[in-house]
């Protein structure tokens, strides 16, 4: 694949996300740290960078923060609104 003579001459595009996987135009081959060869024939492959995935080296979106039903995502907080569970609460352990 990567070294085949029929591969186009244009460079492979890799997209870096701030909180997500590496997105590579496919098809791709990934060599694991133990030498295992993983192949994806998809037009875009999402390669995990956080190692939380259950399908390593492919991303399964395990890096996303899970929000329980009825709970608001903290990124949706209004400016100045305290974060849930952040200080100011009553302590029951006797500490001041």
PDB file of N, CA and C in Angstrom:
ATOM      1  N   UNK A   1       0.797  -1.196   0.000  1.00  0.00           N
ATOM      2  CA  UNK A   1       0.000   0.000   0.000  1.00  0.00           C
ATOM      3  C   UNK A   1       0.847   1.271   0.000  1.00  0.00           C
ATOM      4  N   UNK A   2       1.413   1.700   1.161  1.00  0.00           N
ATOM      5  CA  UNK A   2       2.117   2.975   1.160  1.00  0.00           C
ATOM      6  C   UNK A   2       3.292   3.020   0.188  1.00  0.00           C
ATOM      7  N   UNK A   3       3.947   1.900  -0.023  1.00  0.00           N
ATOM      8  CA  UNK A   3       5.118   1.888  -0.885  1.00  0.00           C
ATOM      9  C   UNK A   3       4.823   1.304  -2.258  1.00  0.00           C
ATOM     10  N   UNK A   4       3.559   1.148  -2.600  1.00  0.00           N
ATOM     11  CA  UNK A   4       3.231   0.537  -3.883  1.00  0.00           C
ATOM     12  C   UNK A   4       3.423   1.548  -5.016  1.00  0.00           C
ATOM     13  N   UNK A   5       3.835   1.071  -6.188  1.00  0.00           N
ATOM     14  CA  UNK A   5       4.089   1.974  -7.308  1.00  0.00           C
ATOM     15  C   UNK A   5       2.835   2.625  -7.874  1.00  0.00           C
ATOM     16  N   UNK A   6       1.661   2.062  -7.631  1.00  0.00           N
ATOM     17  CA  UNK A   6       0.426   2.646  -8.161  1.00  0.00           C
ATOM     18  C   UNK A   6      -0.177   3.701  -7.233  1.00  0.00           C
ATOM     19  N   UNK A   7       0.507   4.016  -6.148  1.00  0.00           N
ATOM     20  CA  UNK A   7       0.034   5.041  -5.215  1.00  0.00           C
ATOM     21  C   UNK A   7       0.172   6.425  -5.857  1.00  0.00           C
ATOM     22  N   UNK A   8      -0.833   7.268  -5.700  1.00  0.00           N
ATOM     23  CA  UNK A   8      -0.745   8.621  -6.265  1.00  0.00           C
ATOM     24  C   UNK A   8       0.462   9.381  -5.704  1.00  0.00           C
ATOM     25  N   UNK A   9       0.938  10.361  -6.442  1.00  0.00           N
ATOM     26  CA  UNK A   9       2.125  11.101  -6.021  1.00  0.00           C
ATOM     27  C   UNK A   9       1.808  12.213  -5.026  1.00  0.00           C
ATOM     28  N   UNK A  10       0.541  12.553  -4.839  1.00  0.00           N
ATOM     29  CA  UNK A  10       0.216  13.603  -3.876  1.00  0.00           C
ATOM     30  C   UNK A  10       0.421  13.085  -2.453  1.00  0.00           C
ATOM     31  N   UNK A  11       0.751  13.980  -1.524  1.00  0.00           N
ATOM     32  CA  UNK A  11       0.981  13.553  -0.138  1.00  0.00           C
ATOM     33  C   UNK A  11      -0.308  13.083   0.531  1.00  0.00           C
ATOM     34  N   UNK A  12      -0.151  12.237   1.523  1.00  0.00           N
ATOM     35  CA  UNK A  12      -1.281  11.783   2.316  1.00  0.00           C
ATOM     36  C   UNK A  12      -1.673  12.897   3.270  1.00  0.00           C
ATOM     37  N   UNK A  13      -2.964  13.165   3.391  1.00  0.00           N
ATOM     38  CA  UNK A  13      -3.441  14.221   4.281  1.00  0.00           C
ATOM     39  C   UNK A  13      -3.730  13.631   5.656  1.00  0.00           C
ATOM     40  N   UNK A  14      -3.186  14.277   6.692  1.00  0.00           N
ATOM     41  CA  UNK A  14      -3.435  13.916   8.088  1.00  0.00           C
ATOM     42  C   UNK A  14      -4.020  15.137   8.763  1.00  0.00           C
ATOM     43  N   UNK A  15      -5.165  14.967   9.430  1.00  0.00           N
ATOM     44  CA  UNK A  15      -5.830  16.072  10.117  1.00  0.00           C
ATOM     45  C   UNK A  15      -5.706  15.855  11.619  1.00  0.00           C
ATOM     46  N   UNK A  16      -5.163  16.851  12.315  1.00  0.00           N
ATOM     47  CA  UNK A  16      -5.010  16.790  13.762  1.00  0.00           C
ATOM     48  C   UNK A  16      -6.185  17.489  14.421  1.00  0.00           C
ATOM     49  N   UNK A  17      -6.830  16.826  15.369  1.00  0.00           N
ATOM     50  CA  UNK A  17      -7.921  17.438  16.121  1.00  0.00           C
ATOM     51  C   UNK A  17      -7.449  17.765  17.523  1.00  0.00           C
ATOM     52  N   UNK A  18      -8.003  18.807  18.106  1.00  0.00           N
ATOM     53  CA  UNK A  18      -7.596  19.215  19.451  1.00  0.00           C
ATOM     54  C   UNK A  18      -7.921  18.144  20.494  1.00  0.00           C
ATOM     55  N   UNK A  19      -9.091  17.554  20.415  1.00  0.00           N
ATOM     56  CA  UNK A  19      -9.514  16.568  21.414  1.00  0.00           C
ATOM     57  C   UNK A  19      -9.923  15.251  20.772  1.00  0.00           C
ATOM     58  N   UNK A  20      -9.299  14.892  19.704  1.00  0.00           N
ATOM     59  CA  UNK A  20      -9.751  13.683  19.041  1.00  0.00           C
ATOM     60  C   UNK A  20      -8.637  12.927  18.360  1.00  0.00           C
ATOM     61  N   UNK A  21      -9.015  12.068  17.442  1.00  0.00           N
ATOM     62  CA  UNK A  21      -8.055  11.198  16.776  1.00  0.00           C
ATOM     63  C   UNK A  21      -7.331  11.902  15.631  1.00  0.00           C
ATOM     64  N   UNK A  22      -6.335  11.231  15.099  1.00  0.00           N
ATOM     65  CA  UNK A  22      -5.721  11.644  13.844  1.00  0.00           C
ATOM     66  C   UNK A  22      -6.609  11.126  12.731  1.00  0.00           C
ATOM     67  N   UNK A  23      -6.967  11.979  11.805  1.00  0.00           N
ATOM     68  CA  UNK A  23      -7.759  11.557  10.655  1.00  0.00           C
ATOM     69  C   UNK A  23      -6.830  11.478   9.454  1.00  0.00           C
ATOM     70  N   UNK A  24      -6.718  10.296   8.865  1.00  0.00           N
ATOM     71  CA  UNK A  24      -5.825  10.085   7.727  1.00  0.00           C
ATOM     72  C   UNK A  24      -6.629   9.659   6.520  1.00  0.00           C
ATOM     73  N   UNK A  25      -6.306  10.251   5.377  1.00  0.00           N
ATOM     74  CA  UNK A  25      -6.937   9.809   4.141  1.00  0.00           C
ATOM     75  C   UNK A  25      -6.441   8.398   3.869  1.00  0.00           C
ATOM     76  N   UNK A  26      -7.356   7.524   3.543  1.00  0.00           N
ATOM     77  CA  UNK A  26      -7.012   6.123   3.364  1.00  0.00           C
ATOM     78  C   UNK A  26      -6.870   5.743   1.920  1.00  0.00           C
ATOM     79  N   UNK A  27      -6.619   4.495   1.698  1.00  0.00           N
ATOM     80  CA  UNK A  27      -6.418   3.448   2.697  1.00  0.00           C
ATOM     81  C   UNK A  27      -5.097   3.637   3.439  1.00  0.00           C
ATOM     82  N   UNK A  28      -5.029   3.085   4.657  1.00  0.00           N
ATOM     83  CA  UNK A  28      -3.829   3.237   5.474  1.00  0.00           C
ATOM     84  C   UNK A  28      -3.409   1.909   6.076  1.00  0.00           C
ATOM     85  N   UNK A  29      -2.125   1.833   6.382  1.00  0.00           N
ATOM     86  CA  UNK A  29      -1.569   0.737   7.167  1.00  0.00           C
ATOM     87  C   UNK A  29      -0.924   1.362   8.392  1.00  0.00           C
ATOM     88  N   UNK A  30      -1.189   0.800   9.554  1.00  0.00           N
ATOM     89  CA  UNK A  30      -0.610   1.279  10.807  1.00  0.00           C
ATOM     90  C   UNK A  30       0.197   0.133  11.396  1.00  0.00           C
ATOM     91  N   UNK A  31       1.437   0.416  11.750  1.00  0.00           N
ATOM     92  CA  UNK A  31       2.279  -0.588  12.397  1.00  0.00           C
ATOM     93  C   UNK A  31       2.283  -0.283  13.884  1.00  0.00           C
ATOM     94  N   UNK A  32       1.793  -1.234  14.685  1.00  0.00           N
ATOM     95  CA  UNK A  32       1.748  -1.061  16.135  1.00  0.00           C
ATOM     96  C   UNK A  32       3.122  -1.152  16.751  1.00  0.00           C
ATOM     97  N   UNK A  33       3.240  -0.761  18.028  1.00  0.00           N
ATOM     98  CA  UNK A  33       4.541  -0.786  18.703  1.00  0.00           C
ATOM     99  C   UNK A  33       5.096  -2.198  18.855  1.00  0.00           C
ATOM    100  N   UNK A  34       4.224  -3.206  18.739  1.00  0.00           N
ATOM    101  CA  UNK A  34       4.681  -4.598  18.805  1.00  0.00           C
ATOM    102  C   UNK A  34       4.920  -5.190  17.410  1.00  0.00           C
ATOM    103  N   UNK A  35       4.777  -4.344  16.375  1.00  0.00           N
ATOM    104  CA  UNK A  35       5.012  -4.805  15.012  1.00  0.00           C
ATOM    105  C   UNK A  35       3.775  -5.302  14.286  1.00  0.00           C
ATOM    106  N   UNK A  36       2.631  -5.345  14.970  1.00  0.00           N
ATOM    107  CA  UNK A  36       1.389  -5.785  14.354  1.00  0.00           C
ATOM    108  C   UNK A  36       0.975  -4.796  13.272  1.00  0.00           C
ATOM    109  N   UNK A  37       0.558  -5.307  12.126  1.00  0.00           N
ATOM    110  CA  UNK A  37       0.128  -4.465  11.014  1.00  0.00           C
ATOM    111  C   UNK A  37      -1.392  -4.396  10.991  1.00  0.00           C
ATOM    112  N   UNK A  38      -1.939  -3.180  11.045  1.00  0.00           N
ATOM    113  CA  UNK A  38      -3.370  -2.935  10.983  1.00  0.00           C
ATOM    114  C   UNK A  38      -3.663  -2.229   9.663  1.00  0.00           C
ATOM    115  N   UNK A  39      -4.710  -2.646   8.972  1.00  0.00           N
ATOM    116  CA  UNK A  39      -5.039  -2.069   7.671  1.00  0.00           C
ATOM    117  C   UNK A  39      -6.475  -1.564   7.663  1.00  0.00           C
ATOM    118  N   UNK A  40      -6.667  -0.373   7.094  1.00  0.00           N
ATOM    119  CA  UNK A  40      -8.002   0.168   6.874  1.00  0.00           C
ATOM    120  C   UNK A  40      -8.106   0.566   5.414  1.00  0.00           C
ATOM    121  N   UNK A  41      -9.145   0.116   4.753  1.00  0.00           N
ATOM    122  CA  UNK A  41      -9.354   0.450   3.357  1.00  0.00           C
ATOM    123  C   UNK A  41     -10.396   1.563   3.199  1.00  0.00           C
ATOM    124  N   UNK A  42     -10.793   2.164   4.300  1.00  0.00           N
ATOM    125  CA  UNK A  42     -11.759   3.271   4.256  1.00  0.00           C
ATOM    126  C   UNK A  42     -11.133   4.499   3.634  1.00  0.00           C
ATOM    127  N   UNK A  43     -11.955   5.427   3.152  1.00  0.00           N
ATOM    128  CA  UNK A  43     -11.425   6.648   2.546  1.00  0.00           C
ATOM    129  C   UNK A  43     -10.823   7.580   3.590  1.00  0.00           C
ATOM    130  N   UNK A  44     -11.265   7.474   4.855  1.00  0.00           N
ATOM    131  CA  UNK A  44     -10.665   8.200   5.968  1.00  0.00           C
ATOM    132  C   UNK A  44     -10.603   7.254   7.161  1.00  0.00           C
ATOM    133  N   UNK A  45      -9.450   7.205   7.814  1.00  0.00           N
ATOM    134  CA  UNK A  45      -9.279   6.366   8.996  1.00  0.00           C
ATOM    135  C   UNK A  45      -9.037   7.263  10.198  1.00  0.00           C
ATOM    136  N   UNK A  46      -9.712   6.972  11.308  1.00  0.00           N
ATOM    137  CA  UNK A  46      -9.540   7.725  12.553  1.00  0.00           C
ATOM    138  C   UNK A  46      -8.629   6.908  13.460  1.00  0.00           C
ATOM    139  N   UNK A  47      -7.434   7.435  13.710  1.00  0.00           N
ATOM    140  CA  UNK A  47      -6.446   6.720  14.499  1.00  0.00           C
ATOM    141  C   UNK A  47      -6.420   7.313  15.903  1.00  0.00           C
ATOM    142  N   UNK A  48      -6.626   6.454  16.893  1.00  0.00           N
ATOM    143  CA  UNK A  48      -6.713   6.870  18.292  1.00  0.00           C
ATOM    144  C   UNK A  48      -5.378   7.411  18.789  1.00  0.00           C
ATOM    145  N   UNK A  49      -5.426   8.533  19.515  1.00  0.00           N
ATOM    146  CA  UNK A  49      -4.222   9.088  20.131  1.00  0.00           C
ATOM    147  C   UNK A  49      -4.301   9.082  21.655  1.00  0.00           C
ATOM    148  N   UNK A  50      -5.484   8.767  22.219  1.00  0.00           N
ATOM    149  CA  UNK A  50      -5.633   8.785  23.679  1.00  0.00           C
ATOM    150  C   UNK A  50      -5.504   7.397  24.300  1.00  0.00           C
ATOM    151  N   UNK A  51      -5.576   6.371  23.491  1.00  0.00           N
ATOM    152  CA  UNK A  51      -5.494   4.957  23.910  1.00  0.00           C
ATOM    153  C   UNK A  51      -6.643   4.518  24.813  1.00  0.00           C
ATOM    154  N   UNK A  52      -7.770   5.226  24.774  1.00  0.00           N
ATOM    155  CA  UNK A  52      -8.952   4.795  25.528  1.00  0.00           C
ATOM    156  C   UNK A  52      -9.826   3.856  24.706  1.00  0.00           C
ATOM    157  N   UNK A  53      -9.556   3.753  23.431  1.00  0.00           N
ATOM    158  CA  UNK A  53     -10.380   2.971  22.526  1.00  0.00           C
ATOM    159  C   UNK A  53     -10.323   1.484  22.836  1.00  0.00           C
ATOM    160  N   UNK A  54     -11.379   0.805  22.522  1.00  0.00           N
ATOM    161  CA  UNK A  54     -11.405  -0.661  22.652  1.00  0.00           C
ATOM    162  C   UNK A  54     -11.050  -1.327  21.333  1.00  0.00           C
ATOM    163  N   UNK A  55     -10.874  -0.514  20.308  1.00  0.00           N
ATOM    164  CA  UNK A  55     -10.592  -1.047  18.972  1.00  0.00           C
ATOM    165  C   UNK A  55      -9.243  -0.532  18.469  1.00  0.00           C
ATOM    166  N   UNK A  56      -8.242  -0.446  19.359  1.00  0.00           N
ATOM    167  CA  UNK A  56      -6.944   0.114  19.023  1.00  0.00           C
ATOM    168  C   UNK A  56      -6.363  -0.556  17.778  1.00  0.00           C
ATOM    169  N   UNK A  57      -5.822   0.206  16.835  1.00  0.00           N
ATOM    170  CA  UNK A  57      -5.480   1.614  16.865  1.00  0.00           C
ATOM    171  C   UNK A  57      -6.580   2.527  16.347  1.00  0.00           C
ATOM    172  N   UNK A  58      -7.755   1.982  16.035  1.00  0.00           N
ATOM    173  CA  UNK A  58      -8.835   2.782  15.461  1.00  0.00           C
ATOM    174  C   UNK A  58      -9.635   3.450  16.569  1.00  0.00           C
ATOM    175  N   UNK A  59     -10.015   4.696  16.353  1.00  0.00           N
ATOM    176  CA  UNK A  59     -10.783   5.462  17.328  1.00  0.00           C
ATOM    177  C   UNK A  59     -12.229   4.970  17.386  1.00  0.00           C
ATOM    178  N   UNK A  60     -12.761   4.824  18.594  1.00  0.00           N
ATOM    179  CA  UNK A  60     -14.172   4.481  18.763  1.00  0.00           C
ATOM    180  C   UNK A  60     -14.907   5.578  19.538  1.00  0.00           C
ATOM    181  N   UNK A  61     -14.343   6.761  19.588  1.00  0.00           N
ATOM    182  CA  UNK A  61     -14.851   7.964  20.261  1.00  0.00           C
ATOM    183  C   UNK A  61     -14.848   7.850  21.787  1.00  0.00           C
ATOM    184  N   UNK A  62     -14.056   6.964  22.348  1.00  0.00           N
ATOM    185  CA  UNK A  62     -13.963   6.842  23.802  1.00  0.00           C
ATOM    186  C   UNK A  62     -13.362   8.084  24.452  1.00  0.00           C
ATOM    187  N   UNK A  63     -12.701   8.936  23.677  1.00  0.00           N
ATOM    188  CA  UNK A  63     -12.100  10.153  24.218  1.00  0.00           C
ATOM    189  C   UNK A  63     -13.141  11.200  24.581  1.00  0.00           C
ATOM    190  N   UNK A  64     -14.335  11.059  24.057  1.00  0.00           N
ATOM    191  CA  UNK A  64     -15.381  12.046  24.345  1.00  0.00           C
ATOM    192  C   UNK A  64     -15.844  11.934  25.784  1.00  0.00           C
ATOM    193  N   UNK A  65     -16.088  13.087  26.404  1.00  0.00           N
ATOM    194  CA  UNK A  65     -16.616  13.090  27.765  1.00  0.00           C
ATOM    195  C   UNK A  65     -18.060  12.615  27.712  1.00  0.00           C
ATOM    196  N   UNK A  66     -18.388  11.674  28.528  1.00  0.00           N
ATOM    197  CA  UNK A  66     -19.750  11.152  28.562  1.00  0.00           C
ATOM    198  C   UNK A  66     -20.604  12.029  29.463  1.00  0.00           C
ATOM    199  N   UNK A  67     -21.782  12.415  28.998  1.00  0.00           N
ATOM    200  CA  UNK A  67     -22.713  13.223  29.766  1.00  0.00           C
ATOM    201  C   UNK A  67     -23.958  12.385  29.999  1.00  0.00           C
ATOM    202  N   UNK A  68     -24.349  12.258  31.273  1.00  0.00           N
ATOM    203  CA  UNK A  68     -25.522  11.461  31.620  1.00  0.00           C
ATOM    204  C   UNK A  68     -26.788  12.182  31.175  1.00  0.00           C
ATOM    205  N   UNK A  69     -27.833  11.444  30.850  1.00  0.00           N
ATOM    206  CA  UNK A  69     -29.095  12.085  30.468  1.00  0.00           C
ATOM    207  C   UNK A  69     -29.561  13.029  31.572  1.00  0.00           C
ATOM    208  N   UNK A  70     -29.958  14.237  31.188  1.00  0.00           N
ATOM    209  CA  UNK A  70     -30.422  15.229  32.151  1.00  0.00           C
ATOM    210  C   UNK A  70     -29.301  16.088  32.717  1.00  0.00           C
ATOM    211  N   UNK A  71     -28.056  15.706  32.479  1.00  0.00           N
ATOM    212  CA  UNK A  71     -26.912  16.489  32.953  1.00  0.00           C
ATOM    213  C   UNK A  71     -26.426  17.369  31.814  1.00  0.00           C
ATOM    214  N   UNK A  72     -26.045  18.602  32.157  1.00  0.00           N
ATOM    215  CA  UNK A  72     -25.566  19.534  31.147  1.00  0.00           C
ATOM    216  C   UNK A  72     -24.069  19.356  30.917  1.00  0.00           C
ATOM    217  N   UNK A  73     -23.648  19.490  29.692  1.00  0.00           N
ATOM    218  CA  UNK A  73     -22.227  19.452  29.355  1.00  0.00           C
ATOM    219  C   UNK A  73     -21.575  20.688  29.973  1.00  0.00           C
ATOM    220  N   UNK A  74     -20.449  20.553  30.700  1.00  0.00           N
ATOM    221  CA  UNK A  74     -19.828  21.714  31.351  1.00  0.00           C
ATOM    222  C   UNK A  74     -19.390  22.790  30.368  1.00  0.00           C
ATOM    223  N   UNK A  75     -19.198  22.454  29.104  1.00  0.00           N
ATOM    224  CA  UNK A  75     -18.817  23.461  28.115  1.00  0.00           C
ATOM    225  C   UNK A  75     -19.985  24.387  27.796  1.00  0.00           C
ATOM    226  N   UNK A  76     -21.193  24.019  28.237  1.00  0.00           N
ATOM    227  CA  UNK A  76     -22.377  24.830  27.992  1.00  0.00           C
ATOM    228  C   UNK A  76     -22.683  25.759  29.165  1.00  0.00           C
ATOM    229  N   UNK A  77     -21.779  25.840  30.160  1.00  0.00           N
ATOM    230  CA  UNK A  77     -21.968  26.711  31.313  1.00  0.00           C
ATOM    231  C   UNK A  77     -22.026  28.157  30.894  1.00  0.00           C
ATOM    232  N   UNK A  78     -22.830  28.943  31.611  1.00  0.00           N
ATOM    233  CA  UNK A  78     -22.888  30.378  31.374  1.00  0.00           C
ATOM    234  C   UNK A  78     -21.674  31.026  32.027  1.00  0.00           C
ATOM    235  N   UNK A  79     -21.134  32.104  31.450  1.00  0.00           N
ATOM    236  CA  UNK A  79     -19.986  32.783  32.064  1.00  0.00           C
ATOM    237  C   UNK A  79     -20.304  33.190  33.497  1.00  0.00           C
ATOM    238  N   UNK A  80     -19.377  32.908  34.410  1.00  0.00           N
ATOM    239  CA  UNK A  80     -19.546  33.268  35.814  1.00  0.00           C
ATOM    240  C   UNK A  80     -20.291  32.227  36.627  1.00  0.00           C
ATOM    241  N   UNK A  81     -20.934  31.281  35.963  1.00  0.00           N
ATOM    242  CA  UNK A  81     -21.663  30.236  36.675  1.00  0.00           C
ATOM    243  C   UNK A  81     -20.647  29.231  37.218  1.00  0.00           C
ATOM    244  N   UNK A  82     -20.726  28.866  38.518  1.00  0.00           N
ATOM    245  CA  UNK A  82     -19.755  27.920  39.073  1.00  0.00           C
ATOM    246  C   UNK A  82     -19.951  26.527  38.479  1.00  0.00           C
ATOM    247  N   UNK A  83     -18.834  25.831  38.378  1.00  0.00           N
ATOM    248  CA  UNK A  83     -18.876  24.470  37.869  1.00  0.00           C
ATOM    249  C   UNK A  83     -19.531  23.582  38.910  1.00  0.00           C
ATOM    250  N   UNK A  84     -20.312  22.600  38.481  1.00  0.00           N
ATOM    251  CA  UNK A  84     -20.990  21.703  39.408  1.00  0.00           C
ATOM    252  C   UNK A  84     -19.944  20.983  40.259  1.00  0.00           C
ATOM    253  N   UNK A  85     -20.110  21.050  41.589  1.00  0.00           N
ATOM    254  CA  UNK A  85     -19.199  20.382  42.494  1.00  0.00           C
ATOM    255  C   UNK A  85     -17.901  21.134  42.733  1.00  0.00           C
ATOM    256  N   UNK A  86     -17.791  22.353  42.240  1.00  0.00           N
ATOM    257  CA  UNK A  86     -16.561  23.119  42.398  1.00  0.00           C
ATOM    258  C   UNK A  86     -16.666  24.083  43.581  1.00  0.00           C
ATOM    259  N   UNK A  87     -16.109  23.696  44.722  1.00  0.00           N
ATOM    260  CA  UNK A  87     -16.015  24.574  45.886  1.00  0.00           C
ATOM    261  C   UNK A  87     -17.342  25.120  46.360  1.00  0.00           C
ATOM    262  N   UNK A  88     -17.305  25.789  47.502  1.00  0.00           N
ATOM    263  CA  UNK A  88     -18.471  26.480  48.019  1.00  0.00           C
ATOM    264  C   UNK A  88     -19.535  25.576  48.638  1.00  0.00           C
ATOM    265  N   UNK A  89     -19.348  24.284  48.566  1.00  0.00           N
ATOM    266  CA  UNK A  89     -20.351  23.368  49.103  1.00  0.00           C
ATOM    267  C   UNK A  89     -20.102  23.073  50.558  1.00  0.00           C
ATOM    268  N   UNK A  90     -21.111  22.496  51.220  1.00  0.00           N
ATOM    269  CA  UNK A  90     -20.957  22.095  52.612  1.00  0.00           C
ATOM    270  C   UNK A  90     -20.125  20.826  52.665  1.00  0.00           C
ATOM    271  N   UNK A  91     -19.175  20.801  53.606  1.00  0.00           N
ATOM    272  CA  UNK A  91     -18.337  19.611  53.751  1.00  0.00           C
ATOM    273  C   UNK A  91     -18.845  18.817  54.915  1.00  0.00           C
ATOM    274  N   UNK A  92     -18.816  17.508  54.805  1.00  0.00           N
ATOM    275  CA  UNK A  92     -19.300  16.652  55.886  1.00  0.00           C
ATOM    276  C   UNK A  92     -18.158  15.945  56.601  1.00  0.00           C
ATOM    277  N   UNK A  93     -16.907  16.238  56.196  1.00  0.00           N
ATOM    278  CA  UNK A  93     -15.775  15.548  56.816  1.00  0.00           C
ATOM    279  C   UNK A  93     -15.167  16.332  57.974  1.00  0.00           C
ATOM    280  N   UNK A  94     -15.798  17.443  58.378  1.00  0.00           N
ATOM    281  CA  UNK A  94     -15.326  18.233  59.498  1.00  0.00           C
ATOM    282  C   UNK A  94     -14.255  19.247  59.146  1.00  0.00           C
ATOM    283  N   UNK A  95     -13.802  19.261  57.907  1.00  0.00           N
ATOM    284  CA  UNK A  95     -12.764  20.230  57.498  1.00  0.00           C
ATOM    285  C   UNK A  95     -13.403  21.573  57.246  1.00  0.00           C
ATOM    286  N   UNK A  96     -12.649  22.619  57.499  1.00  0.00           N
ATOM    287  CA  UNK A  96     -13.169  23.969  57.296  1.00  0.00           C
ATOM    288  C   UNK A  96     -13.025  24.414  55.863  1.00  0.00           C
TER     289      UNK A  96
END
